[in-house]
Amino acid sequence: MKDFGNTSITAMAVIVAEHLKQQNIEVVLVGGLAVEIYTENLYLTKDIDLVNTNYQKPRLLSQSMAELGFRKQGRVYINETTDITIEFPPGPLAVGHNLIKDTTVAHVSHGSIPILYAKDVIKDRLAAFMHWQDKQSLIQALAIVLKHALNIAAFREFCEQEGSVYTYQLFERLYHCALDEGIHTMEQLEALLTQIMLNEI
């Protein structure tokens, strides 16, 4: 078994994606590692989430992962030489109620990884906040917007479609406060969100 103990999470994602591609299994990176890549390591994770976009059989997926030394434990694949876990959320590839047809490729130091566009990672994080009240997801969405100087208003329609005008209003308020105060780190953004939500009580 290959030892992945010194393999970074982005390198691992490249290795897995390229290996699966050789088996005709197409995947797209979503979730926390997508956030880590787009925030340039402001947010760190130990989980790799890949959606199989050409719907290969679970058995083929398990066989292919076994070739890399990964075995399935519950919902995730684990390897005894690393604490990085890999999960394959069920398709289709979607953000909120919207199916995703277009993706891109992240070029990292170890190779390339198919990935959601930044705008769709943001929408995915916003949806997690709306539906599960996951405050970390809202912070992650804001961190990507700030890092890439994106237009906050571009996400109003998505929030309205998902049924939460409040989420957009809070997101917009956080954005402007972060700009005014020169806030950029995840810790500062978390503290800002906590303060704003306490003021709403």
C-alpha atoms as a PDB file:
ATOM      1  CA  MET A   1       0.000   0.000   0.000  1.00  0.00           C
ATOM      2  CA  LYS A   2       1.301   3.439  -0.907  1.00  0.00           C
ATOM      3  CA  ASP A   3       1.991   5.701   2.072  1.00  0.00           C
ATOM      4  CA  PHE A   4       0.036   8.976   1.783  1.00  0.00           C
ATOM      5  CA  GLY A   5       1.243  10.282   5.142  1.00  0.00           C
ATOM      6  CA  ASN A   6       3.107  13.215   3.590  1.00  0.00           C
ATOM      7  CA  THR A   7       0.604  13.871   0.806  1.00  0.00           C
ATOM      8  CA  SER A   8      -1.218  17.209   1.011  1.00  0.00           C
ATOM      9  CA  ILE A   9      -4.973  17.270   0.621  1.00  0.00           C
ATOM     10  CA  THR A  10      -4.838  19.022  -2.764  1.00  0.00           C
ATOM     11  CA  ALA A  11      -2.253  16.523  -4.007  1.00  0.00           C
ATOM     12  CA  MET A  12      -4.506  13.722  -2.791  1.00  0.00           C
ATOM     13  CA  ALA A  13      -7.472  15.188  -4.652  1.00  0.00           C
ATOM     14  CA  VAL A  14      -5.400  15.299  -7.851  1.00  0.00           C
ATOM     15  CA  ILE A  15      -4.246  11.695  -7.389  1.00  0.00           C
ATOM     16  CA  VAL A  16      -7.783  10.425  -6.790  1.00  0.00           C
ATOM     17  CA  ALA A  17      -9.388  12.438  -9.604  1.00  0.00           C
ATOM     18  CA  GLU A  18      -6.745  11.363 -12.133  1.00  0.00           C
ATOM     19  CA  HIS A  19      -6.923   7.714 -11.052  1.00  0.00           C
ATOM     20  CA  LEU A  20     -10.714   7.681 -11.315  1.00  0.00           C
ATOM     21  CA  LYS A  21     -10.564   9.341 -14.730  1.00  0.00           C
ATOM     22  CA  GLN A  22      -8.406   6.451 -15.936  1.00  0.00           C
ATOM     23  CA  GLN A  23     -11.263   4.165 -14.872  1.00  0.00           C
ATOM     24  CA  ASN A  24     -13.766   6.318 -16.814  1.00  0.00           C
ATOM     25  CA  ILE A  25     -15.162   7.773 -13.593  1.00  0.00           C
ATOM     26  CA  GLU A  26     -15.661  11.518 -13.935  1.00  0.00           C
ATOM     27  CA  VAL A  27     -15.724  13.574 -10.744  1.00  0.00           C
ATOM     28  CA  VAL A  28     -16.070  17.228  -9.746  1.00  0.00           C
ATOM     29  CA  LEU A  29     -14.720  18.666  -6.507  1.00  0.00           C
ATOM     30  CA  VAL A  30     -17.264  20.309  -4.193  1.00  0.00           C
ATOM     31  CA  GLY A  31     -17.471  21.044  -0.462  1.00  0.00           C
ATOM     32  CA  GLY A  32     -14.780  22.144   1.949  1.00  0.00           C
ATOM     33  CA  LEU A  33     -11.733  21.547  -0.230  1.00  0.00           C
ATOM     34  CA  ALA A  34     -13.296  23.663  -2.980  1.00  0.00           C
ATOM     35  CA  VAL A  35     -13.636  26.412  -0.356  1.00  0.00           C
ATOM     36  CA  GLU A  36     -10.005  25.897   0.715  1.00  0.00           C
ATOM     37  CA  ILE A  37      -8.800  26.257  -2.878  1.00  0.00           C
ATOM     38  CA  TYR A  38     -10.856  29.370  -3.608  1.00  0.00           C
ATOM     39  CA  THR A  39      -9.945  31.059  -0.312  1.00  0.00           C
ATOM     40  CA  GLU A  40      -6.286  30.152  -0.850  1.00  0.00           C
ATOM     41  CA  ASN A  41      -6.083  28.237   2.436  1.00  0.00           C
ATOM     42  CA  LEU A  42      -7.995  30.677   4.655  1.00  0.00           C
ATOM     43  CA  TYR A  43     -10.241  27.693   5.387  1.00  0.00           C
ATOM     44  CA  LEU A  44      -8.665  24.262   5.948  1.00  0.00           C
ATOM     45  CA  THR A  45     -10.269  20.837   5.761  1.00  0.00           C
ATOM     46  CA  LYS A  46      -9.354  17.154   5.956  1.00  0.00           C
ATOM     47  CA  ASP A  47     -12.224  15.987   3.745  1.00  0.00           C
ATOM     48  CA  ILE A  48     -12.412  15.622  -0.028  1.00  0.00           C
ATOM     49  CA  ASP A  49     -15.913  15.665  -1.538  1.00  0.00           C
ATOM     50  CA  LEU A  50     -16.202  14.486  -5.141  1.00  0.00           C
ATOM     51  CA  VAL A  51     -19.448  14.108  -7.092  1.00  0.00           C
ATOM     52  CA  ASN A  52     -19.424  11.355  -9.727  1.00  0.00           C
ATOM     53  CA  THR A  53     -20.928  13.158 -12.714  1.00  0.00           C
ATOM     54  CA  ASN A  54     -21.182  10.235 -15.138  1.00  0.00           C
ATOM     55  CA  TYR A  55     -22.950   7.987 -12.628  1.00  0.00           C
ATOM     56  CA  GLN A  56     -20.674   4.958 -12.654  1.00  0.00           C
ATOM     57  CA  LYS A  57     -21.716   1.999 -10.530  1.00  0.00           C
ATOM     58  CA  PRO A  58     -20.759   2.116  -6.828  1.00  0.00           C
ATOM     59  CA  ARG A  59     -18.954  -1.201  -7.218  1.00  0.00           C
ATOM     60  CA  LEU A  60     -16.584   0.247  -9.851  1.00  0.00           C
ATOM     61  CA  LEU A  61     -15.984   3.264  -7.625  1.00  0.00           C
ATOM     62  CA  SER A  62     -15.136   1.057  -4.638  1.00  0.00           C
ATOM     63  CA  GLN A  63     -12.824  -1.118  -6.738  1.00  0.00           C
ATOM     64  CA  SER A  64     -11.027   1.937  -8.092  1.00  0.00           C
ATOM     65  CA  MET A  65     -10.597   3.438  -4.619  1.00  0.00           C
ATOM     66  CA  ALA A  66      -9.325   0.085  -3.317  1.00  0.00           C
ATOM     67  CA  GLU A  67      -6.547   0.258  -5.912  1.00  0.00           C
ATOM     68  CA  LEU A  68      -5.351   3.387  -4.082  1.00  0.00           C
ATOM     69  CA  GLY A  69      -5.637   1.665  -0.704  1.00  0.00           C
ATOM     70  CA  PHE A  70      -8.926   3.262   0.356  1.00  0.00           C
ATOM     71  CA  ARG A  71     -11.782   1.287   1.880  1.00  0.00           C
ATOM     72  CA  LYS A  72     -15.291   2.448   2.609  1.00  0.00           C
ATOM     73  CA  GLN A  73     -16.277   3.106   6.209  1.00  0.00           C
ATOM     74  CA  GLY A  74     -19.806   4.437   6.491  1.00  0.00           C
ATOM     75  CA  ARG A  75     -20.164   7.270   3.983  1.00  0.00           C
ATOM     76  CA  VAL A  76     -16.451   7.945   3.533  1.00  0.00           C
ATOM     77  CA  TYR A  77     -13.370   6.226   2.175  1.00  0.00           C
ATOM     78  CA  ILE A  78     -10.396   5.959   4.505  1.00  0.00           C
ATOM     79  CA  ASN A  79      -6.754   4.968   4.167  1.00  0.00           C
ATOM     80  CA  GLU A  80      -4.669   3.936   7.174  1.00  0.00           C
ATOM     81  CA  THR A  81      -1.692   6.052   6.094  1.00  0.00           C
ATOM     82  CA  THR A  82      -3.535   9.405   6.134  1.00  0.00           C
ATOM     83  CA  ASP A  83      -6.239  11.206   8.100  1.00  0.00           C
ATOM     84  CA  ILE A  84      -7.697  12.610   4.863  1.00  0.00           C
ATOM     85  CA  THR A  85     -11.113  11.137   4.109  1.00  0.00           C
ATOM     86  CA  ILE A  86     -12.888  11.028   0.760  1.00  0.00           C
ATOM     87  CA  GLU A  87     -16.640  11.124   0.237  1.00  0.00           C
ATOM     88  CA  PHE A  88     -18.750  10.857  -2.895  1.00  0.00           C
ATOM     89  CA  PRO A  89     -21.990  12.794  -2.283  1.00  0.00           C
ATOM     90  CA  PRO A  90     -24.801  11.477  -4.493  1.00  0.00           C
ATOM     91  CA  GLY A  91     -25.495  13.214  -7.798  1.00  0.00           C
ATOM     92  CA  PRO A  92     -26.752  14.984  -9.690  1.00  0.00           C
ATOM     93  CA  LEU A  93     -24.334  17.889  -9.413  1.00  0.00           C
ATOM     94  CA  ALA A  94     -26.514  20.659  -8.014  1.00  0.00           C
ATOM     95  CA  VAL A  95     -26.479  23.794  -5.895  1.00  0.00           C
ATOM     96  CA  GLY A  96     -29.670  24.302  -3.952  1.00  0.00           C
ATOM     97  CA  HIS A  97     -32.428  23.486  -6.419  1.00  0.00           C
ATOM     98  CA  ASN A  98     -30.302  24.323  -9.478  1.00  0.00           C
ATOM     99  CA  LEU A  99     -28.588  21.656 -11.564  1.00  0.00           C
ATOM    100  CA  ILE A 100     -25.001  22.500 -12.484  1.00  0.00           C
ATOM    101  CA  LYS A 101     -23.967  21.900 -16.091  1.00  0.00           C
ATOM    102  CA  ASP A 102     -20.773  23.933 -16.354  1.00  0.00           C
ATOM    103  CA  THR A 103     -17.690  23.375 -14.224  1.00  0.00           C
ATOM    104  CA  THR A 104     -14.057  24.430 -14.423  1.00  0.00           C
ATOM    105  CA  VAL A 105     -10.606  23.136 -13.528  1.00  0.00           C
ATOM    106  CA  ALA A 106      -8.443  24.268 -10.615  1.00  0.00           C
ATOM    107  CA  HIS A 107      -4.743  24.269 -11.437  1.00  0.00           C
ATOM    108  CA  VAL A 108      -2.855  23.523  -8.233  1.00  0.00           C
ATOM    109  CA  SER A 109       0.816  22.814  -7.620  1.00  0.00           C
ATOM    110  CA  HIS A 110       0.336  19.062  -8.010  1.00  0.00           C
ATOM    111  CA  GLY A 111      -1.870  19.042 -11.116  1.00  0.00           C
ATOM    112  CA  SER A 112      -5.454  19.838 -12.054  1.00  0.00           C
ATOM    113  CA  ILE A 113      -8.784  19.096 -10.373  1.00  0.00           C
ATOM    114  CA  PRO A 114     -12.272  19.424 -11.919  1.00  0.00           C
ATOM    115  CA  ILE A 115     -14.132  21.830  -9.618  1.00  0.00           C
ATOM    116  CA  LEU A 116     -17.263  23.952  -9.310  1.00  0.00           C
ATOM    117  CA  TYR A 117     -16.941  27.585 -10.334  1.00  0.00           C
ATOM    118  CA  ALA A 118     -16.367  29.932  -7.382  1.00  0.00           C
ATOM    119  CA  LYS A 119     -19.866  31.404  -7.766  1.00  0.00           C
ATOM    120  CA  ASP A 120     -21.399  27.939  -7.422  1.00  0.00           C
ATOM    121  CA  VAL A 121     -19.305  27.071  -4.369  1.00  0.00           C
ATOM    122  CA  ILE A 122     -20.603  30.298  -2.813  1.00  0.00           C
ATOM    123  CA  LYS A 123     -24.195  29.358  -3.653  1.00  0.00           C
ATOM    124  CA  ASP A 124     -23.653  25.892  -2.185  1.00  0.00           C
ATOM    125  CA  ARG A 125     -22.404  27.431   1.062  1.00  0.00           C
ATOM    126  CA  LEU A 126     -25.310  29.883   1.143  1.00  0.00           C
ATOM    127  CA  ALA A 127     -27.737  26.989   0.672  1.00  0.00           C
ATOM    128  CA  ALA A 128     -26.128  25.146   3.596  1.00  0.00           C
ATOM    129  CA  PHE A 129     -26.699  28.188   5.793  1.00  0.00           C
ATOM    130  CA  MET A 130     -30.309  28.545   4.632  1.00  0.00           C
ATOM    131  CA  HIS A 131     -31.312  24.929   5.069  1.00  0.00           C
ATOM    132  CA  TRP A 132     -29.146  23.794   8.016  1.00  0.00           C
ATOM    133  CA  GLN A 133     -28.298  27.098   9.744  1.00  0.00           C
ATOM    134  CA  ASP A 134     -24.610  26.277   9.260  1.00  0.00           C
ATOM    135  CA  LYS A 135     -22.890  29.541  10.186  1.00  0.00           C
ATOM    136  CA  GLN A 136     -19.487  28.271   9.047  1.00  0.00           C
ATOM    137  CA  SER A 137     -20.882  27.890   5.531  1.00  0.00           C
ATOM    138  CA  LEU A 138     -21.981  31.534   5.459  1.00  0.00           C
ATOM    139  CA  ILE A 139     -18.493  32.596   6.574  1.00  0.00           C
ATOM    140  CA  GLN A 140     -16.917  30.421   3.878  1.00  0.00           C
ATOM    141  CA  ALA A 141     -19.141  31.975   1.202  1.00  0.00           C
ATOM    142  CA  LEU A 142     -18.166  35.461   2.330  1.00  0.00           C
ATOM    143  CA  ALA A 143     -14.459  34.575   2.409  1.00  0.00           C
ATOM    144  CA  ILE A 144     -14.589  33.540  -1.263  1.00  0.00           C
ATOM    145  CA  VAL A 145     -16.454  36.712  -2.255  1.00  0.00           C
ATOM    146  CA  LEU A 146     -13.879  38.867  -0.476  1.00  0.00           C
ATOM    147  CA  LYS A 147     -10.870  36.939  -1.793  1.00  0.00           C
ATOM    148  CA  HIS A 148     -12.036  37.254  -5.415  1.00  0.00           C
ATOM    149  CA  ALA A 149     -13.704  40.692  -5.160  1.00  0.00           C
ATOM    150  CA  LEU A 150     -16.980  39.309  -6.516  1.00  0.00           C
ATOM    151  CA  ASN A 151     -20.204  41.282  -6.855  1.00  0.00           C
ATOM    152  CA  ILE A 152     -22.331  40.510  -3.795  1.00  0.00           C
ATOM    153  CA  ALA A 153     -25.537  41.486  -5.607  1.00  0.00           C
ATOM    154  CA  ALA A 154     -25.050  38.552  -7.993  1.00  0.00           C
ATOM    155  CA  PHE A 155     -26.283  36.225  -5.229  1.00  0.00           C
ATOM    156  CA  ARG A 156     -29.531  38.024  -4.403  1.00  0.00           C
ATOM    157  CA  GLU A 157     -31.602  36.128  -6.975  1.00  0.00           C
ATOM    158  CA  PHE A 158     -30.272  32.755  -5.825  1.00  0.00           C
ATOM    159  CA  CYS A 159     -31.191  33.453  -2.200  1.00  0.00           C
ATOM    160  CA  GLU A 160     -34.658  34.606  -3.238  1.00  0.00           C
ATOM    161  CA  GLN A 161     -35.156  31.467  -5.351  1.00  0.00           C
ATOM    162  CA  GLU A 162     -34.127  29.316  -2.408  1.00  0.00           C
ATOM    163  CA  GLY A 163     -36.692  31.119  -0.269  1.00  0.00           C
ATOM    164  CA  SER A 164     -34.502  33.153   2.063  1.00  0.00           C
ATOM    165  CA  VAL A 165     -34.332  36.889   1.496  1.00  0.00           C
ATOM    166  CA  TYR A 166     -32.987  37.104   5.052  1.00  0.00           C
ATOM    167  CA  THR A 167     -29.887  35.117   4.065  1.00  0.00           C
ATOM    168  CA  TYR A 168     -29.026  37.596   1.346  1.00  0.00           C
ATOM    169  CA  GLN A 169     -29.666  40.572   3.622  1.00  0.00           C
ATOM    170  CA  LEU A 170     -27.375  39.098   6.293  1.00  0.00           C
ATOM    171  CA  PHE A 171     -24.774  38.163   3.672  1.00  0.00           C
ATOM    172  CA  GLU A 172     -24.808  41.689   2.246  1.00  0.00           C
ATOM    173  CA  ARG A 173     -24.530  43.244   5.703  1.00  0.00           C
ATOM    174  CA  LEU A 174     -21.595  41.004   6.586  1.00  0.00           C
ATOM    175  CA  TYR A 175     -19.909  41.868   3.304  1.00  0.00           C
ATOM    176  CA  HIS A 176     -20.118  45.629   3.785  1.00  0.00           C
ATOM    177  CA  CYS A 177     -19.048  45.427   7.443  1.00  0.00           C
ATOM    178  CA  ALA A 178     -16.064  43.270   6.484  1.00  0.00           C
ATOM    179  CA  LEU A 179     -15.031  45.769   3.823  1.00  0.00           C
ATOM    180  CA  ASP A 180     -15.459  48.748   6.151  1.00  0.00           C
ATOM    181  CA  GLU A 181     -13.429  47.110   8.921  1.00  0.00           C
ATOM    182  CA  GLY A 182     -10.782  45.556   6.657  1.00  0.00           C
ATOM    183  CA  ILE A 183     -11.626  42.051   7.844  1.00  0.00           C
ATOM    184  CA  HIS A 184     -10.216  39.075   5.944  1.00  0.00           C
ATOM    185  CA  THR A 185      -9.426  36.124   8.243  1.00  0.00           C
ATOM    186  CA  MET A 186     -11.925  33.372   9.036  1.00  0.00           C
ATOM    187  CA  GLU A 187     -11.661  34.134  12.764  1.00  0.00           C
ATOM    188  CA  GLN A 188     -12.470  37.815  12.212  1.00  0.00           C
ATOM    189  CA  LEU A 189     -15.393  36.946   9.943  1.00  0.00           C
ATOM    190  CA  GLU A 190     -16.761  34.506  12.533  1.00  0.00           C
ATOM    191  CA  ALA A 191     -16.560  37.157  15.252  1.00  0.00           C
ATOM    192  CA  LEU A 192     -18.282  39.672  12.977  1.00  0.00           C
ATOM    193  CA  LEU A 193     -21.135  37.267  12.205  1.00  0.00           C
ATOM    194  CA  THR A 194     -21.590  36.498  15.908  1.00  0.00           C
ATOM    195  CA  GLN A 195     -21.759  40.204  16.755  1.00  0.00           C
ATOM    196  CA  ILE A 196     -24.267  40.973  13.998  1.00  0.00           C
ATOM    197  CA  MET A 197     -26.528  38.063  14.988  1.00  0.00           C
ATOM    198  CA  LEU A 198     -26.372  39.046  18.668  1.00  0.00           C
ATOM    199  CA  ASN A 199     -27.426  42.562  17.724  1.00  0.00           C
ATOM    200  CA  GLU A 200     -30.495  41.110  15.998  1.00  0.00           C
ATOM    201  CA  ILE A 201     -31.755  39.500  19.206  1.00  0.00           C
END
